[in-house]
C-alpha atoms as a PDB file:
ATOM      1  CA  MET A   1      -1.197  10.509   2.999  1.00  0.00           C
ATOM      2  CA  GLY A   2       1.341   9.878   0.208  1.00  0.00           C
ATOM      3  CA  TRP A   3       3.257   6.624   0.119  1.00  0.00           C
ATOM      4  CA  THR A   4       6.579   8.305   0.859  1.00  0.00           C
ATOM      5  CA  GLN A   5       5.353  10.853   3.426  1.00  0.00           C
ATOM      6  CA  GLY A   6       5.748   9.838   7.047  1.00  0.00           C
ATOM      7  CA  LEU A   7       6.216   6.128   6.308  1.00  0.00           C
ATOM      8  CA  GLU A   8       9.397   4.101   6.616  1.00  0.00           C
ATOM      9  CA  TRP A   9      10.285   0.649   5.330  1.00  0.00           C
ATOM     10  CA  ILE A  10      11.252  -2.224   7.574  1.00  0.00           C
ATOM     11  CA  ASN A  11      13.073  -4.620   5.229  1.00  0.00           C
ATOM     12  CA  PRO A  12      12.532  -2.733   1.950  1.00  0.00           C
ATOM     13  CA  PRO A  13      11.328  -4.978  -0.896  1.00  0.00           C
ATOM     14  CA  PRO A  14      13.240  -5.391  -4.168  1.00  0.00           C
ATOM     15  CA  VAL A  15      10.526  -3.347  -5.937  1.00  0.00           C
ATOM     16  CA  ALA A  16       8.368  -0.547  -4.500  1.00  0.00           C
ATOM     17  CA  GLU A  17       6.954   1.842  -7.101  1.00  0.00           C
ATOM     18  CA  GLU A  18       4.337   4.571  -6.789  1.00  0.00           C
ATOM     19  CA  ALA A  19       1.983   5.156  -9.711  1.00  0.00           C
ATOM     20  CA  GLY A  20      -1.412   6.802  -9.898  1.00  0.00           C
ATOM     21  CA  GLY A  21      -1.824   6.973  -6.124  1.00  0.00           C
ATOM     22  CA  ALA A  22      -1.071   3.258  -5.704  1.00  0.00           C
ATOM     23  CA  LEU A  23       1.998   1.436  -4.426  1.00  0.00           C
ATOM     24  CA  ARG A  24       3.201  -1.638  -6.331  1.00  0.00           C
ATOM     25  CA  VAL A  25       5.392  -3.945  -4.253  1.00  0.00           C
ATOM     26  CA  VAL A  26       7.205  -7.109  -5.331  1.00  0.00           C
ATOM     27  CA  THR A  27       8.447  -9.331  -2.501  1.00  0.00           C
ATOM     28  CA  GLY A  28      11.908 -10.720  -1.885  1.00  0.00           C
ATOM     29  CA  ASP A  29      12.699 -14.421  -1.623  1.00  0.00           C
ATOM     30  CA  ARG A  30      11.235 -16.413   1.276  1.00  0.00           C
ATOM     31  CA  GLN A  31      10.657 -13.526   3.657  1.00  0.00           C
ATOM     32  CA  ASP A  32       8.166 -13.565   6.523  1.00  0.00           C
ATOM     33  CA  PHE A  33       7.222 -12.402  10.002  1.00  0.00           C
ATOM     34  CA  TRP A  34       6.904 -15.256  12.523  1.00  0.00           C
ATOM     35  CA  ARG A  35       8.179 -16.044  16.005  1.00  0.00           C
ATOM     36  CA  ARG A  36       8.720 -19.587  17.359  1.00  0.00           C
ATOM     37  CA  THR A  37       5.270 -21.128  17.874  1.00  0.00           C
ATOM     38  CA  PHE A  38       4.863 -24.625  16.386  1.00  0.00           C
ATOM     39  CA  TYR A  39       7.555 -24.207  13.698  1.00  0.00           C
ATOM     40  CA  GLY A  40      10.361 -23.199  16.069  1.00  0.00           C
ATOM     41  CA  PHE A  41      11.897 -20.591  13.769  1.00  0.00           C
ATOM     42  CA  VAL A  42      12.044 -16.800  13.929  1.00  0.00           C
ATOM     43  CA  HIS A  43      11.572 -14.684  10.800  1.00  0.00           C
ATOM     44  CA  ASP A  44      11.600 -10.909  10.878  1.00  0.00           C
ATOM     45  CA  ASP A  45      12.421 -10.090   7.283  1.00  0.00           C
ATOM     46  CA  GLY A  46       9.024  -9.471   5.649  1.00  0.00           C
ATOM     47  CA  HIS A  47       8.307  -6.064   4.116  1.00  0.00           C
ATOM     48  CA  ALA A  48       6.357  -3.398   6.010  1.00  0.00           C
ATOM     49  CA  LEU A  49       5.907   0.316   5.263  1.00  0.00           C
ATOM     50  CA  LEU A  50       5.088   1.864   8.631  1.00  0.00           C
ATOM     51  CA  ALA A  51       3.933   5.204  10.041  1.00  0.00           C
ATOM     52  CA  GLU A  52       4.255   6.405  13.625  1.00  0.00           C
ATOM     53  CA  THR A  53       1.073   6.297  15.704  1.00  0.00           C
ATOM     54  CA  ASP A  54       0.114   8.125  18.845  1.00  0.00           C
ATOM     55  CA  GLY A  55      -2.757   6.808  20.925  1.00  0.00           C
ATOM     56  CA  PRO A  56      -5.918   5.264  19.479  1.00  0.00           C
ATOM     57  CA  PHE A  57      -6.198   5.102  15.687  1.00  0.00           C
ATOM     58  CA  THR A  58      -7.872   3.474  12.715  1.00  0.00           C
ATOM     59  CA  ALA A  59      -5.734   2.334   9.780  1.00  0.00           C
ATOM     60  CA  GLU A  60      -7.184   1.089   6.495  1.00  0.00           C
ATOM     61  CA  VAL A  61      -5.743  -0.103   3.207  1.00  0.00           C
ATOM     62  CA  THR A  62      -7.098  -1.652   0.024  1.00  0.00           C
ATOM     63  CA  PHE A  63      -4.917  -4.197  -1.751  1.00  0.00           C
ATOM     64  CA  GLU A  64      -4.899  -6.950  -4.335  1.00  0.00           C
ATOM     65  CA  ALA A  65      -2.394  -9.549  -5.505  1.00  0.00           C
ATOM     66  CA  ASP A  66      -1.991 -12.579  -7.696  1.00  0.00           C
ATOM     67  CA  TRP A  67      -1.946 -15.146  -4.887  1.00  0.00           C
ATOM     68  CA  GLN A  68      -0.149 -18.268  -6.108  1.00  0.00           C
ATOM     69  CA  ALA A  69       2.288 -19.816  -3.644  1.00  0.00           C
ATOM     70  CA  GLN A  70       1.734 -21.243  -0.176  1.00  0.00           C
ATOM     71  CA  TYR A  71       1.670 -18.448   2.437  1.00  0.00           C
ATOM     72  CA  ASP A  72       1.728 -15.505  -0.018  1.00  0.00           C
ATOM     73  CA  GLN A  73       0.363 -12.659   2.104  1.00  0.00           C
ATOM     74  CA  ALA A  74      -0.389  -8.938   2.272  1.00  0.00           C
ATOM     75  CA  GLY A  75      -2.327  -6.583   4.524  1.00  0.00           C
ATOM     76  CA  LEU A  76      -1.555  -4.358   7.515  1.00  0.00           C
ATOM     77  CA  MET A  77       0.992  -4.591  10.306  1.00  0.00           C
ATOM     78  CA  LEU A  78       1.025  -2.972  13.736  1.00  0.00           C
ATOM     79  CA  ARG A  79       4.553  -3.185  15.124  1.00  0.00           C
ATOM     80  CA  THR A  80       6.454  -2.245  18.253  1.00  0.00           C
ATOM     81  CA  ASP A  81       9.585  -4.338  17.622  1.00  0.00           C
ATOM     82  CA  GLU A  82      10.686  -7.757  16.364  1.00  0.00           C
ATOM     83  CA  SER A  83       8.900  -9.618  19.174  1.00  0.00           C
ATOM     84  CA  GLN A  84       5.707  -7.525  19.547  1.00  0.00           C
ATOM     85  CA  TRP A  85       3.471  -7.041  16.515  1.00  0.00           C
ATOM     86  CA  ILE A  86       0.261  -7.930  14.722  1.00  0.00           C
ATOM     87  CA  LYS A  87      -0.071  -8.721  11.014  1.00  0.00           C
ATOM     88  CA  ALA A  88      -3.449  -9.125   9.352  1.00  0.00           C
ATOM     89  CA  GLY A  89      -4.552  -9.646   5.783  1.00  0.00           C
ATOM     90  CA  ILE A  90      -5.000 -12.176   3.035  1.00  0.00           C
ATOM     91  CA  GLU A  91      -2.826 -15.283   3.191  1.00  0.00           C
ATOM     92  CA  HIS A  92      -2.829 -17.952   0.483  1.00  0.00           C
ATOM     93  CA  VAL A  93      -3.041 -21.332   2.268  1.00  0.00           C
ATOM     94  CA  ASN A  94      -3.629 -24.702   0.593  1.00  0.00           C
ATOM     95  CA  GLY A  95      -4.671 -23.110  -2.685  1.00  0.00           C
ATOM     96  CA  MET A  96      -7.212 -20.666  -1.218  1.00  0.00           C
ATOM     97  CA  ALA A  97      -7.314 -17.115   0.134  1.00  0.00           C
ATOM     98  CA  HIS A  98      -7.789 -16.822   3.898  1.00  0.00           C
ATOM     99  CA  LEU A  99      -8.215 -13.766   6.062  1.00  0.00           C
ATOM    100  CA  ALA A 100      -5.403 -14.370   8.535  1.00  0.00           C
ATOM    101  CA  VAL A 101      -4.292 -12.626  11.723  1.00  0.00           C
ATOM    102  CA  VAL A 102      -1.044 -13.278  13.600  1.00  0.00           C
ATOM    103  CA  VAL A 103      -0.611 -11.712  17.034  1.00  0.00           C
ATOM    104  CA  THR A 104       2.916 -11.838  18.416  1.00  0.00           C
ATOM    105  CA  LEU A 105       3.700 -10.934  21.999  1.00  0.00           C
ATOM    106  CA  GLY A 106       6.927 -12.884  22.418  1.00  0.00           C
ATOM    107  CA  ARG A 107       5.492 -15.808  20.428  1.00  0.00           C
ATOM    108  CA  SER A 108       3.245 -15.815  17.368  1.00  0.00           C
ATOM    109  CA  ASP A 109      -0.258 -17.211  17.177  1.00  0.00           C
ATOM    110  CA  TRP A 110      -2.266 -17.604  13.974  1.00  0.00           C
ATOM    111  CA  SER A 111      -5.952 -17.517  13.151  1.00  0.00           C
ATOM    112  CA  GLN A 112      -7.595 -17.685   9.741  1.00  0.00           C
ATOM    113  CA  VAL A 113     -10.959 -17.702   7.999  1.00  0.00           C
ATOM    114  CA  ALA A 114     -11.284 -19.150   4.495  1.00  0.00           C
ATOM    115  CA  LEU A 115     -12.569 -16.793   1.780  1.00  0.00           C
ATOM    116  CA  PRO A 116     -13.160 -19.247  -1.101  1.00  0.00           C
ATOM    117  CA  GLN A 117     -15.113 -16.698  -3.173  1.00  0.00           C
ATOM    118  CA  LEU A 118     -12.492 -13.925  -2.949  1.00  0.00           C
ATOM    119  CA  THR A 119     -11.653 -12.199  -6.205  1.00  0.00           C
ATOM    120  CA  GLY A 120     -10.134  -8.773  -6.635  1.00  0.00           C
ATOM    121  CA  ALA A 121      -9.280  -6.192  -4.019  1.00  0.00           C
ATOM    122  CA  VAL A 122      -9.748  -6.408  -0.250  1.00  0.00           C
ATOM    123  CA  THR A 123     -10.106  -3.511   2.178  1.00  0.00           C
ATOM    124  CA  LEU A 124      -8.734  -4.152   5.656  1.00  0.00           C
ATOM    125  CA  ARG A 125      -9.014  -2.117   8.847  1.00  0.00           C
ATOM    126  CA  LEU A 126      -7.112  -2.165  12.159  1.00  0.00           C
ATOM    127  CA  THR A 127      -8.479  -0.100  15.037  1.00  0.00           C
ATOM    128  CA  ARG A 128      -6.367   0.313  18.166  1.00  0.00           C
ATOM    129  CA  SER A 129      -8.075   1.526  21.314  1.00  0.00           C
ATOM    130  CA  SER A 130      -6.668   1.123  24.810  1.00  0.00           C
ATOM    131  CA  ASP A 131      -5.315  -2.446  25.078  1.00  0.00           C
ATOM    132  CA  ALA A 132      -7.253  -3.853  22.128  1.00  0.00           C
ATOM    133  CA  VAL A 133      -6.912  -4.100  18.355  1.00  0.00           C
ATOM    134  CA  TRP A 134      -9.959  -4.808  16.196  1.00  0.00           C
ATOM    135  CA  VAL A 135      -9.312  -6.435  12.840  1.00  0.00           C
ATOM    136  CA  GLN A 136     -12.034  -5.997  10.213  1.00  0.00           C
ATOM    137  CA  TYR A 137     -12.447  -6.359   6.472  1.00  0.00           C
ATOM    138  CA  ARG A 138     -15.014  -4.882   4.146  1.00  0.00           C
ATOM    139  CA  ASP A 139     -17.480  -7.280   2.576  1.00  0.00           C
ATOM    140  CA  GLY A 140     -19.479  -5.129   0.187  1.00  0.00           C
ATOM    141  CA  ALA A 141     -20.620  -2.076   2.151  1.00  0.00           C
ATOM    142  CA  ASP A 142     -20.340  -3.745   5.564  1.00  0.00           C
ATOM    143  CA  TRP A 143     -17.349  -4.132   7.866  1.00  0.00           C
ATOM    144  CA  LYS A 144     -16.981  -7.621   9.326  1.00  0.00           C
ATOM    145  CA  MET A 145     -14.935  -8.298  12.440  1.00  0.00           C
ATOM    146  CA  VAL A 146     -12.323 -11.012  12.120  1.00  0.00           C
ATOM    147  CA  ARG A 147     -10.627 -10.689  15.477  1.00  0.00           C
ATOM    148  CA  LEU A 148     -10.428  -8.671  18.662  1.00  0.00           C
ATOM    149  CA  ALA A 149      -6.884  -9.059  20.007  1.00  0.00           C
ATOM    150  CA  HIS A 150      -5.073  -7.922  23.113  1.00  0.00           C
ATOM    151  CA  TYR A 151      -2.153  -5.553  22.543  1.00  0.00           C
ATOM    152  CA  PRO A 152      -0.745  -3.766  25.612  1.00  0.00           C
ATOM    153  CA  ALA A 153      -1.792  -0.104  25.735  1.00  0.00           C
ATOM    154  CA  ASP A 154       1.638   1.025  26.941  1.00  0.00           C
ATOM    155  CA  LEU A 155       3.474  -0.296  23.862  1.00  0.00           C
ATOM    156  CA  PRO A 156       4.314   2.355  21.266  1.00  0.00           C
ATOM    157  CA  ALA A 157       3.671   1.128  17.738  1.00  0.00           C
ATOM    158  CA  LYS A 158       3.851   1.907  14.047  1.00  0.00           C
ATOM    159  CA  VAL A 159       1.303   0.757  11.463  1.00  0.00           C
ATOM    160  CA  GLY A 160       1.088   0.332   7.706  1.00  0.00           C
ATOM    161  CA  PRO A 161       0.979  -1.999   4.703  1.00  0.00           C
ATOM    162  CA  MET A 162       2.785  -5.348   4.957  1.00  0.00           C
ATOM    163  CA  THR A 163       3.602  -8.144   2.520  1.00  0.00           C
ATOM    164  CA  CYS A 164       5.745 -11.248   2.386  1.00  0.00           C
ATOM    165  CA  SER A 165       6.073 -14.527   0.535  1.00  0.00           C
ATOM    166  CA  PRO A 166       7.635 -17.243   2.723  1.00  0.00           C
ATOM    167  CA  SER A 167       7.702 -19.847  -0.081  1.00  0.00           C
ATOM    168  CA  ARG A 168       9.110 -17.813  -2.965  1.00  0.00           C
ATOM    169  CA  ALA A 169      10.124 -14.437  -4.368  1.00  0.00           C
ATOM    170  CA  GLY A 170       8.017 -12.270  -6.623  1.00  0.00           C
ATOM    171  CA  LEU A 171       4.580 -11.842  -5.072  1.00  0.00           C
ATOM    172  CA  GLU A 172       3.251  -8.653  -6.659  1.00  0.00           C
ATOM    173  CA  VAL A 173       0.887  -6.574  -4.503  1.00  0.00           C
ATOM    174  CA  LEU A 174      -0.911  -3.336  -5.357  1.00  0.00           C
ATOM    175  CA  PHE A 175      -1.806  -1.196  -2.322  1.00  0.00           C
ATOM    176  CA  ARG A 176      -4.259   1.723  -2.562  1.00  0.00           C
ATOM    177  CA  ASP A 177      -5.987   4.192  -0.273  1.00  0.00           C
ATOM    178  CA  PHE A 178      -3.878   3.821   2.882  1.00  0.00           C
ATOM    179  CA  ARG A 179      -5.491   5.911   5.619  1.00  0.00           C
ATOM    180  CA  LEU A 180      -4.350   6.494   9.176  1.00  0.00           C
ATOM    181  CA  GLY A 181      -6.416   8.673  11.475  1.00  0.00           C
ATOM    182  CA  PRO A 182      -8.548   8.860  14.601  1.00  0.00           C
ATOM    183  CA  VAL A 183     -10.781   5.955  15.602  1.00  0.00           C
ATOM    184  CA  THR A 184     -13.700   6.154  13.168  1.00  0.00           C
ATOM    185  CA  ASP A 185     -16.177   4.108  15.163  1.00  0.00           C
ATOM    186  CA  LYS A 186     -16.179   1.196  17.566  1.00  0.00           C
ATOM    187  CA  PRO A 187     -16.801  -2.060  15.719  1.00  0.00           C
ATOM    188  CA  TYR A 188     -19.016  -3.355  18.552  1.00  0.00           C
END
């Protein structure tokens, strides 16, 4: 699937350029996706390039960035609307990369796993089946599950690459190999 075929931006970034099968994105200033919990604020201005989905699916993307500022992030988003979505990917927290997942069904939650040895690209996978979404990342040849989250089966959704930088402008992310298709296999 090409970067411009069947995908649509929510909050287009200042820079989005295709080259050699990859998509280079540079974030806008202090943009994020978050809803109420703990902090009290609502942000729905992060960047996401989304494709329509129909029924169960597996979405994958490989990405890399120069993580520098607190909360720099990139990965995948599954989205119904501004109050129902999941974002998953790398988030730079306290000077270190974390694999983070935020599930928002009216209010956001946040889980994270530190990846202190992370260098280079990450491949992330979301699998939606019935009322569940599996979040996995590739560690070498193996897929590792990060989270199994509830997401109502009756909610229509779009999915695709996501990035934002709540503390600054200018996070540069390179996305490659976005794939959206049937469920490839059950993680467990």
